[in-house]
Amino acid sequence: MSVSLYQYKPKMSLVMKRLFFALLVSLITVSNYAQVYLGGSFSFGVSERSTSSKTTFVGVSTLNPEIGYSFNRYLGLGTELGLNIYDMDVNIQLTPYLRWSFLHRDVLTCFVDLAYMYDVSNTKGSQLGLKPGVSFRLFEHLSLVAKIGFLGVRSSDNFIGIDTSNSSIGFFYTF
């Protein structure tokens, strides 16, 4: 008795239909709250630059476009692209992060980002740590966001501790 492959196709398509349906149901369930947000922040500061003959202070400005995805009210995942302008040099940084929102009051939300910053231009190395912040909802989809400092480890200067020079302010649009 010979068995052809044609006989097994209906069973395989039934398995594929069930798998597709299960995937669709899980996506609908997860996306019940899921939101994509898009925005960015800007910061400006003064940094010390030392040479062999003198020490000067130069302006440092940073533009950080950002995109993220909130899985639920408490957990999100995102990344920001940092464009640092430091004494006419431009450094590019990529910072993926995991966001935990822990305080939700009417229009105010506090959060902490567990972030890993990698400097693509390789002048600062990398850093891993916590970046606390606060979000103030201005309108239904628009929020004012402030990130205050950094607590963690930086490889370029063997820094461990709190750095308040990484503070920034910006806006997010939530879809």
N, C-alpha and C. Protein backbone atom coordinates (compact mmCIF):
# COMPACT_ATOMS: atom_id res chain seq x y z
N MET A 1 0.85 -1.17 0.00
CA MET A 1 0.00 0.00 0.00
C MET A 1 0.89 1.23 0.00
N SER A 2 0.68 2.04 -0.93
CA SER A 2 1.48 3.25 -1.07
C SER A 2 0.74 4.45 -0.49
N VAL A 3 1.50 5.32 0.21
CA VAL A 3 0.91 6.50 0.83
C VAL A 3 1.49 7.72 0.12
N SER A 4 0.63 8.56 -0.36
CA SER A 4 1.13 9.76 -1.03
C SER A 4 1.19 10.93 -0.04
N LEU A 5 2.01 11.89 -0.37
CA LEU A 5 2.14 13.08 0.46
C LEU A 5 0.90 13.96 0.41
N TYR A 6 0.10 13.79 -0.61
CA TYR A 6 -1.10 14.60 -0.75
C TYR A 6 -2.07 14.38 0.41
N GLN A 7 -2.09 13.18 0.95
CA GLN A 7 -3.01 12.88 2.04
C GLN A 7 -2.68 13.67 3.31
N TYR A 8 -1.45 14.06 3.52
CA TYR A 8 -1.05 14.77 4.74
C TYR A 8 -1.18 16.28 4.64
N LYS A 9 -1.41 16.83 3.48
CA LYS A 9 -1.53 18.27 3.33
C LYS A 9 -2.71 18.85 4.10
N PRO A 10 -3.87 18.24 4.09
CA PRO A 10 -4.97 18.82 4.88
C PRO A 10 -4.63 18.89 6.37
N LYS A 11 -3.96 17.89 6.89
CA LYS A 11 -3.60 17.92 8.29
C LYS A 11 -2.62 19.04 8.58
N MET A 12 -1.64 19.23 7.71
CA MET A 12 -0.65 20.28 7.90
C MET A 12 -1.30 21.67 7.80
N SER A 13 -2.21 21.83 6.86
CA SER A 13 -2.87 23.13 6.75
C SER A 13 -3.76 23.39 7.96
N LEU A 14 -4.35 22.34 8.54
CA LEU A 14 -5.15 22.50 9.74
C LEU A 14 -4.27 22.93 10.92
N VAL A 15 -3.07 22.36 11.03
CA VAL A 15 -2.12 22.76 12.07
C VAL A 15 -1.70 24.20 11.87
N MET A 16 -1.42 24.59 10.64
CA MET A 16 -1.02 25.96 10.34
C MET A 16 -2.15 26.94 10.65
N LYS A 17 -3.38 26.57 10.35
CA LYS A 17 -4.52 27.44 10.65
C LYS A 17 -4.67 27.63 12.16
N ARG A 18 -4.53 26.55 12.91
CA ARG A 18 -4.63 26.65 14.37
C ARG A 18 -3.49 27.48 14.95
N LEU A 19 -2.30 27.28 14.44
CA LEU A 19 -1.15 28.06 14.90
C LEU A 19 -1.33 29.55 14.59
N PHE A 20 -1.79 29.85 13.39
CA PHE A 20 -2.04 31.24 13.01
C PHE A 20 -3.12 31.86 13.89
N PHE A 21 -4.19 31.11 14.16
CA PHE A 21 -5.27 31.61 15.01
C PHE A 21 -4.78 31.86 16.44
N ALA A 22 -3.97 30.95 16.98
CA ALA A 22 -3.42 31.13 18.33
C ALA A 22 -2.51 32.35 18.39
N LEU A 23 -1.71 32.55 17.35
CA LEU A 23 -0.84 33.73 17.28
C LEU A 23 -1.66 35.01 17.19
N LEU A 24 -2.71 35.00 16.41
CA LEU A 24 -3.58 36.16 16.26
C LEU A 24 -4.27 36.51 17.58
N VAL A 25 -4.77 35.51 18.28
CA VAL A 25 -5.43 35.75 19.57
C VAL A 25 -4.44 36.30 20.58
N SER A 26 -3.22 35.75 20.61
CA SER A 26 -2.23 36.26 21.57
C SER A 26 -1.82 37.69 21.24
N LEU A 27 -1.70 38.03 19.97
CA LEU A 27 -1.36 39.41 19.60
C LEU A 27 -2.47 40.37 19.99
N ILE A 28 -3.71 39.98 19.79
CA ILE A 28 -4.83 40.84 20.17
C ILE A 28 -4.86 41.02 21.68
N THR A 29 -4.59 39.96 22.42
CA THR A 29 -4.59 40.04 23.88
C THR A 29 -3.47 40.95 24.37
N VAL A 30 -2.26 40.78 23.83
CA VAL A 30 -1.12 41.59 24.26
C VAL A 30 -1.30 43.03 23.83
N SER A 31 -1.84 43.25 22.64
CA SER A 31 -1.96 44.61 22.14
C SER A 31 -3.19 45.34 22.68
N ASN A 32 -3.87 44.76 23.63
CA ASN A 32 -5.00 45.43 24.25
C ASN A 32 -4.55 46.75 24.87
N TYR A 33 -3.36 46.77 25.47
CA TYR A 33 -2.83 48.00 26.04
C TYR A 33 -1.63 48.52 25.27
N ALA A 34 -0.98 47.69 24.51
CA ALA A 34 0.30 48.03 23.89
C ALA A 34 0.22 49.34 23.11
N GLN A 35 1.25 50.17 23.33
CA GLN A 35 1.29 51.47 22.67
C GLN A 35 2.70 51.74 22.17
N VAL A 36 2.78 52.32 21.01
CA VAL A 36 4.05 52.76 20.46
C VAL A 36 4.18 54.24 20.76
N TYR A 37 5.36 54.65 21.21
CA TYR A 37 5.59 56.07 21.42
C TYR A 37 6.83 56.50 20.65
N LEU A 38 6.79 57.74 20.21
CA LEU A 38 7.83 58.32 19.39
C LEU A 38 8.10 59.71 19.92
N GLY A 39 9.34 60.06 20.03
CA GLY A 39 9.66 61.39 20.54
C GLY A 39 11.14 61.61 20.61
N GLY A 40 11.52 62.43 21.55
CA GLY A 40 12.92 62.71 21.71
C GLY A 40 13.15 63.74 22.79
N SER A 41 14.41 63.94 23.10
CA SER A 41 14.75 64.89 24.14
C SER A 41 15.98 65.69 23.72
N PHE A 42 16.19 66.77 24.44
CA PHE A 42 17.30 67.67 24.17
C PHE A 42 17.95 68.04 25.49
N SER A 43 19.25 68.12 25.50
CA SER A 43 19.95 68.58 26.70
C SER A 43 21.12 69.47 26.29
N PHE A 44 21.49 70.33 27.20
CA PHE A 44 22.62 71.23 26.97
C PHE A 44 23.39 71.36 28.27
N GLY A 45 24.68 71.34 28.18
CA GLY A 45 25.50 71.46 29.38
C GLY A 45 26.87 72.02 29.06
N VAL A 46 27.67 72.12 30.07
CA VAL A 46 29.04 72.62 29.93
C VAL A 46 29.98 71.54 30.43
N SER A 47 31.02 71.27 29.66
CA SER A 47 31.98 70.24 30.03
C SER A 47 33.38 70.83 30.02
N GLU A 48 34.23 70.24 30.82
CA GLU A 48 35.61 70.70 30.92
C GLU A 48 36.47 69.91 29.94
N ARG A 49 37.29 70.63 29.17
CA ARG A 49 38.21 69.99 28.24
C ARG A 49 39.61 70.45 28.58
N SER A 50 40.46 69.50 28.94
CA SER A 50 41.82 69.83 29.34
C SER A 50 42.82 69.46 28.25
N THR A 51 43.74 70.37 28.03
CA THR A 51 44.88 70.09 27.16
C THR A 51 46.13 70.24 28.01
N SER A 52 47.28 70.05 27.40
CA SER A 52 48.52 70.14 28.18
C SER A 52 48.79 71.56 28.68
N SER A 53 48.30 72.56 27.96
CA SER A 53 48.60 73.94 28.35
C SER A 53 47.49 74.63 29.14
N LYS A 54 46.22 74.26 28.89
CA LYS A 54 45.13 74.97 29.57
C LYS A 54 43.88 74.12 29.66
N THR A 55 42.98 74.58 30.51
CA THR A 55 41.68 73.94 30.66
C THR A 55 40.61 74.91 30.18
N THR A 56 39.74 74.43 29.30
CA THR A 56 38.66 75.28 28.80
C THR A 56 37.33 74.58 29.04
N PHE A 57 36.27 75.37 29.06
CA PHE A 57 34.92 74.84 29.21
C PHE A 57 34.21 75.00 27.87
N VAL A 58 33.61 73.92 27.41
CA VAL A 58 32.93 73.93 26.12
C VAL A 58 31.49 73.48 26.30
N GLY A 59 30.65 73.91 25.39
CA GLY A 59 29.24 73.53 25.43
C GLY A 59 29.03 72.15 24.85
N VAL A 60 28.15 71.41 25.46
CA VAL A 60 27.79 70.08 24.99
C VAL A 60 26.28 70.06 24.80
N SER A 61 25.84 69.76 23.60
CA SER A 61 24.40 69.64 23.36
C SER A 61 24.12 68.24 22.82
N THR A 62 22.98 67.72 23.19
CA THR A 62 22.61 66.37 22.81
C THR A 62 21.18 66.35 22.30
N LEU A 63 20.99 65.72 21.17
CA LEU A 63 19.67 65.50 20.60
C LEU A 63 19.43 64.00 20.59
N ASN A 64 18.34 63.54 21.22
CA ASN A 64 18.08 62.11 21.37
C ASN A 64 16.71 61.72 20.81
N PRO A 65 16.60 61.42 19.51
CA PRO A 65 15.34 60.87 19.01
C PRO A 65 15.13 59.48 19.61
N GLU A 66 13.87 59.13 19.87
CA GLU A 66 13.58 57.92 20.63
C GLU A 66 12.31 57.25 20.12
N ILE A 67 12.30 55.93 20.14
CA ILE A 67 11.11 55.16 19.81
C ILE A 67 11.00 54.02 20.82
N GLY A 68 9.76 53.72 21.22
CA GLY A 68 9.56 52.67 22.20
C GLY A 68 8.21 52.02 22.07
N TYR A 69 8.05 50.95 22.83
CA TYR A 69 6.84 50.15 22.80
C TYR A 69 6.48 49.79 24.24
N SER A 70 5.30 50.20 24.69
CA SER A 70 4.83 49.87 26.03
C SER A 70 4.00 48.59 25.95
N PHE A 71 4.45 47.55 26.63
CA PHE A 71 3.72 46.28 26.64
C PHE A 71 2.46 46.39 27.49
N ASN A 72 2.60 47.07 28.61
CA ASN A 72 1.47 47.28 29.51
C ASN A 72 1.72 48.58 30.26
N ARG A 73 1.01 48.79 31.33
CA ARG A 73 1.12 50.04 32.07
C ARG A 73 2.47 50.20 32.77
N TYR A 74 3.15 49.09 33.03
CA TYR A 74 4.37 49.11 33.83
C TYR A 74 5.65 48.84 33.06
N LEU A 75 5.59 48.19 31.92
CA LEU A 75 6.80 47.71 31.25
C LEU A 75 6.85 48.16 29.79
N GLY A 76 8.01 48.65 29.38
CA GLY A 76 8.20 49.08 28.01
C GLY A 76 9.62 48.78 27.55
N LEU A 77 9.81 48.84 26.25
CA LEU A 77 11.10 48.57 25.64
C LEU A 77 11.31 49.61 24.55
N GLY A 78 12.50 50.18 24.50
CA GLY A 78 12.74 51.20 23.49
C GLY A 78 14.21 51.41 23.23
N THR A 79 14.48 52.35 22.37
CA THR A 79 15.86 52.72 22.07
C THR A 79 15.92 54.20 21.70
N GLU A 80 17.04 54.80 22.00
CA GLU A 80 17.24 56.18 21.58
C GLU A 80 18.58 56.29 20.88
N LEU A 81 18.63 57.22 19.97
CA LEU A 81 19.83 57.49 19.20
C LEU A 81 20.36 58.84 19.67
N GLY A 82 21.52 58.86 20.26
CA GLY A 82 22.08 60.10 20.79
C GLY A 82 23.03 60.75 19.81
N LEU A 83 22.79 62.00 19.54
CA LEU A 83 23.67 62.80 18.69
C LEU A 83 24.27 63.88 19.57
N ASN A 84 25.51 63.68 20.00
CA ASN A 84 26.19 64.62 20.90
C ASN A 84 27.12 65.52 20.11
N ILE A 85 26.97 66.82 20.33
CA ILE A 85 27.85 67.80 19.70
C ILE A 85 28.72 68.38 20.80
N TYR A 86 30.00 68.08 20.73
CA TYR A 86 30.94 68.43 21.79
C TYR A 86 32.16 69.08 21.15
N ASP A 87 32.29 70.38 21.32
CA ASP A 87 33.43 71.12 20.77
C ASP A 87 33.61 70.83 19.27
N MET A 88 32.52 70.94 18.53
CA MET A 88 32.48 70.74 17.09
C MET A 88 32.73 69.30 16.65
N ASP A 89 32.74 68.35 17.57
CA ASP A 89 32.79 66.93 17.25
C ASP A 89 31.41 66.35 17.46
N VAL A 90 31.01 65.44 16.59
CA VAL A 90 29.71 64.80 16.71
C VAL A 90 29.92 63.33 17.08
N ASN A 91 29.34 62.92 18.20
CA ASN A 91 29.39 61.53 18.62
C ASN A 91 28.01 60.92 18.48
N ILE A 92 27.95 59.68 18.05
CA ILE A 92 26.69 58.98 17.88
C ILE A 92 26.62 57.85 18.89
N GLN A 93 25.51 57.81 19.63
CA GLN A 93 25.33 56.78 20.65
C GLN A 93 24.02 56.05 20.41
N LEU A 94 24.02 54.76 20.65
CA LEU A 94 22.83 53.94 20.56
C LEU A 94 22.53 53.41 21.95
N THR A 95 21.30 53.64 22.44
CA THR A 95 20.95 53.29 23.81
C THR A 95 19.64 52.51 23.85
N PRO A 96 19.68 51.18 23.82
CA PRO A 96 18.47 50.41 24.07
C PRO A 96 18.17 50.40 25.57
N TYR A 97 16.89 50.34 25.93
CA TYR A 97 16.54 50.36 27.34
C TYR A 97 15.27 49.56 27.61
N LEU A 98 15.13 49.16 28.86
CA LEU A 98 13.93 48.54 29.39
C LEU A 98 13.35 49.51 30.40
N ARG A 99 12.11 49.94 30.19
CA ARG A 99 11.49 50.96 31.05
C ARG A 99 10.48 50.32 32.00
N TRP A 100 10.63 50.68 33.27
CA TRP A 100 9.68 50.27 34.30
C TRP A 100 9.02 51.51 34.85
N SER A 101 7.71 51.61 34.69
CA SER A 101 6.93 52.74 35.23
C SER A 101 6.33 52.29 36.55
N PHE A 102 6.57 53.06 37.60
CA PHE A 102 6.18 52.59 38.92
C PHE A 102 5.21 53.49 39.67
N LEU A 103 4.99 54.69 39.23
CA LEU A 103 4.07 55.58 39.91
C LEU A 103 3.17 56.23 38.87
N HIS A 104 1.88 55.97 38.98
CA HIS A 104 0.91 56.50 38.02
C HIS A 104 -0.11 57.34 38.78
N ARG A 105 -0.04 58.63 38.58
CA ARG A 105 -1.00 59.56 39.18
C ARG A 105 -1.60 60.37 38.04
N ASP A 106 -2.88 60.41 37.94
CA ASP A 106 -3.64 61.14 36.93
C ASP A 106 -2.84 61.46 35.65
N VAL A 107 -2.05 62.53 35.64
CA VAL A 107 -1.28 62.91 34.45
C VAL A 107 0.22 62.73 34.64
N LEU A 108 0.65 62.24 35.78
CA LEU A 108 2.06 62.11 36.12
C LEU A 108 2.46 60.64 36.21
N THR A 109 3.58 60.29 35.56
CA THR A 109 4.11 58.94 35.63
C THR A 109 5.61 59.01 35.89
N CYS A 110 6.08 58.28 36.88
CA CYS A 110 7.52 58.18 37.15
C CYS A 110 8.02 56.85 36.59
N PHE A 111 9.24 56.86 36.08
CA PHE A 111 9.79 55.65 35.48
C PHE A 111 11.29 55.58 35.71
N VAL A 112 11.84 54.40 35.49
CA VAL A 112 13.28 54.16 35.52
C VAL A 112 13.63 53.33 34.30
N ASP A 113 14.63 53.78 33.56
CA ASP A 113 15.13 53.03 32.40
C ASP A 113 16.39 52.27 32.79
N LEU A 114 16.41 50.98 32.53
CA LEU A 114 17.64 50.20 32.62
C LEU A 114 18.25 50.27 31.24
N ALA A 115 19.31 51.05 31.09
CA ALA A 115 19.83 51.38 29.76
C ALA A 115 21.27 50.93 29.60
N TYR A 116 21.59 50.53 28.38
CA TYR A 116 22.96 50.24 27.98
C TYR A 116 23.30 51.17 26.83
N MET A 117 24.21 52.10 27.06
CA MET A 117 24.59 53.06 26.03
C MET A 117 25.90 52.60 25.39
N TYR A 118 25.87 52.50 24.07
CA TYR A 118 27.06 52.15 23.31
C TYR A 118 27.42 53.32 22.41
N ASP A 119 28.63 53.82 22.55
CA ASP A 119 29.09 54.95 21.75
C ASP A 119 29.64 54.42 20.43
N VAL A 120 28.95 54.69 19.34
CA VAL A 120 29.35 54.20 18.02
C VAL A 120 30.66 54.84 17.59
N SER A 121 30.86 56.11 17.94
CA SER A 121 32.09 56.80 17.55
C SER A 121 33.26 56.44 18.47
N ASN A 122 32.99 55.61 19.50
CA ASN A 122 34.01 55.04 20.38
C ASN A 122 34.87 56.05 21.13
N THR A 123 34.32 57.19 21.46
CA THR A 123 35.09 58.15 22.26
C THR A 123 34.76 58.04 23.73
N LYS A 124 33.55 57.60 24.05
CA LYS A 124 33.17 57.48 25.45
C LYS A 124 33.07 56.03 25.91
N GLY A 125 33.17 55.08 25.03
CA GLY A 125 33.02 53.69 25.42
C GLY A 125 31.56 53.34 25.59
N SER A 126 31.23 52.70 26.69
CA SER A 126 29.85 52.31 26.94
C SER A 126 29.50 52.54 28.41
N GLN A 127 28.21 52.51 28.69
CA GLN A 127 27.76 52.65 30.07
C GLN A 127 26.50 51.82 30.28
N LEU A 128 26.33 51.34 31.50
CA LEU A 128 25.19 50.54 31.88
C LEU A 128 24.67 51.08 33.20
N GLY A 129 23.37 51.34 33.26
CA GLY A 129 22.84 51.85 34.51
C GLY A 129 21.39 52.23 34.45
N LEU A 130 20.96 52.94 35.46
CA LEU A 130 19.58 53.37 35.61
C LEU A 130 19.45 54.86 35.30
N LYS A 131 18.41 55.19 34.55
CA LYS A 131 18.12 56.59 34.22
C LYS A 131 16.70 56.89 34.68
N PRO A 132 16.54 57.55 35.83
CA PRO A 132 15.19 57.88 36.30
C PRO A 132 14.58 59.03 35.49
N GLY A 133 13.26 59.06 35.46
CA GLY A 133 12.59 60.13 34.74
C GLY A 133 11.15 60.28 35.16
N VAL A 134 10.54 61.31 34.62
CA VAL A 134 9.14 61.61 34.92
C VAL A 134 8.46 62.04 33.63
N SER A 135 7.20 61.63 33.47
CA SER A 135 6.41 61.97 32.29
C SER A 135 5.15 62.70 32.74
N PHE A 136 4.87 63.82 32.13
CA PHE A 136 3.70 64.62 32.44
C PHE A 136 2.83 64.69 31.19
N ARG A 137 1.64 64.09 31.24
CA ARG A 137 0.76 64.06 30.07
C ARG A 137 0.10 65.42 29.87
N LEU A 138 0.41 66.06 28.76
CA LEU A 138 -0.16 67.37 28.42
C LEU A 138 -1.53 67.23 27.77
N PHE A 139 -1.61 66.32 26.80
CA PHE A 139 -2.84 66.02 26.09
C PHE A 139 -3.00 64.50 26.04
N GLU A 140 -4.01 64.02 25.38
CA GLU A 140 -4.27 62.59 25.36
C GLU A 140 -3.09 61.79 24.82
N HIS A 141 -2.43 62.29 23.78
CA HIS A 141 -1.34 61.55 23.15
C HIS A 141 0.03 62.22 23.31
N LEU A 142 0.11 63.39 23.89
CA LEU A 142 1.36 64.14 23.99
C LEU A 142 1.80 64.28 25.44
N SER A 143 3.06 63.95 25.70
CA SER A 143 3.60 64.03 27.06
C SER A 143 4.92 64.78 27.07
N LEU A 144 5.14 65.50 28.16
CA LEU A 144 6.41 66.15 28.42
C LEU A 144 7.22 65.19 29.29
N VAL A 145 8.46 64.91 28.89
CA VAL A 145 9.28 63.91 29.58
C VAL A 145 10.58 64.54 30.02
N ALA A 146 10.96 64.28 31.26
CA ALA A 146 12.26 64.74 31.78
C ALA A 146 13.00 63.53 32.34
N LYS A 147 14.25 63.39 31.95
CA LYS A 147 15.12 62.34 32.48
C LYS A 147 16.18 63.02 33.32
N ILE A 148 16.36 62.48 34.51
CA ILE A 148 17.21 63.15 35.50
C ILE A 148 18.40 62.27 35.85
N GLY A 149 19.55 62.56 35.26
CA GLY A 149 20.78 61.91 35.67
C GLY A 149 20.96 60.48 35.22
N PHE A 150 21.95 59.84 35.85
CA PHE A 150 22.36 58.48 35.52
C PHE A 150 23.01 57.86 36.75
N LEU A 151 22.66 56.64 37.05
CA LEU A 151 23.25 55.90 38.16
C LEU A 151 23.76 54.58 37.60
N GLY A 152 25.08 54.42 37.55
CA GLY A 152 25.60 53.19 36.98
C GLY A 152 27.09 53.20 36.77
N VAL A 153 27.52 52.48 35.76
CA VAL A 153 28.93 52.25 35.47
C VAL A 153 29.23 52.75 34.06
N ARG A 154 30.35 53.45 33.89
CA ARG A 154 30.79 53.94 32.58
C ARG A 154 32.20 53.43 32.35
N SER A 155 32.47 52.86 31.17
CA SER A 155 33.75 52.22 30.91
C SER A 155 34.87 53.18 30.54
N SER A 156 34.54 54.33 29.98
CA SER A 156 35.59 55.22 29.46
C SER A 156 36.49 55.78 30.56
N ASP A 157 35.91 56.18 31.68
CA ASP A 157 36.71 56.76 32.76
C ASP A 157 36.56 55.97 34.06
N ASN A 158 36.14 54.70 33.95
CA ASN A 158 35.94 53.83 35.12
C ASN A 158 35.07 54.49 36.17
N PHE A 159 34.01 55.13 35.73
CA PHE A 159 33.10 55.84 36.61
C PHE A 159 32.06 54.89 37.18
N ILE A 160 31.86 54.93 38.48
CA ILE A 160 30.79 54.20 39.15
C ILE A 160 30.11 55.18 40.08
N GLY A 161 28.81 55.41 39.90
CA GLY A 161 28.12 56.33 40.79
C GLY A 161 27.00 57.08 40.11
N ILE A 162 26.75 58.29 40.59
CA ILE A 162 25.66 59.13 40.10
C ILE A 162 26.24 60.27 39.27
N ASP A 163 25.68 60.46 38.09
CA ASP A 163 26.10 61.54 37.20
C ASP A 163 24.86 62.35 36.84
N THR A 164 24.79 63.59 37.30
CA THR A 164 23.61 64.43 37.03
C THR A 164 23.75 65.25 35.76
N SER A 165 24.87 65.12 35.05
CA SER A 165 25.04 65.90 33.82
C SER A 165 24.28 65.31 32.65
N ASN A 166 23.68 64.14 32.80
CA ASN A 166 22.93 63.51 31.72
C ASN A 166 21.44 63.81 31.75
N SER A 167 21.02 64.91 32.34
CA SER A 167 19.62 65.26 32.41
C SER A 167 19.13 65.84 31.09
N SER A 168 17.88 65.55 30.74
CA SER A 168 17.34 66.04 29.47
C SER A 168 15.84 66.25 29.61
N ILE A 169 15.28 66.98 28.65
CA ILE A 169 13.85 67.26 28.62
C ILE A 169 13.37 67.09 27.17
N GLY A 170 12.15 66.56 27.01
CA GLY A 170 11.65 66.33 25.66
C GLY A 170 10.17 66.03 25.65
N PHE A 171 9.70 65.57 24.48
CA PHE A 171 8.29 65.28 24.27
C PHE A 171 8.15 63.88 23.69
N PHE A 172 7.02 63.22 24.01
CA PHE A 172 6.66 61.93 23.43
C PHE A 172 5.27 62.02 22.85
N TYR A 173 5.09 61.41 21.71
CA TYR A 173 3.76 61.25 21.13
C TYR A 173 3.43 59.76 21.18
N THR A 174 2.32 59.41 21.82
CA THR A 174 1.90 58.03 21.96
C THR A 174 0.79 57.75 20.97
N PHE A 175 0.97 56.72 20.16
CA PHE A 175 -0.03 56.37 19.14
C PHE A 175 -1.14 55.54 19.74
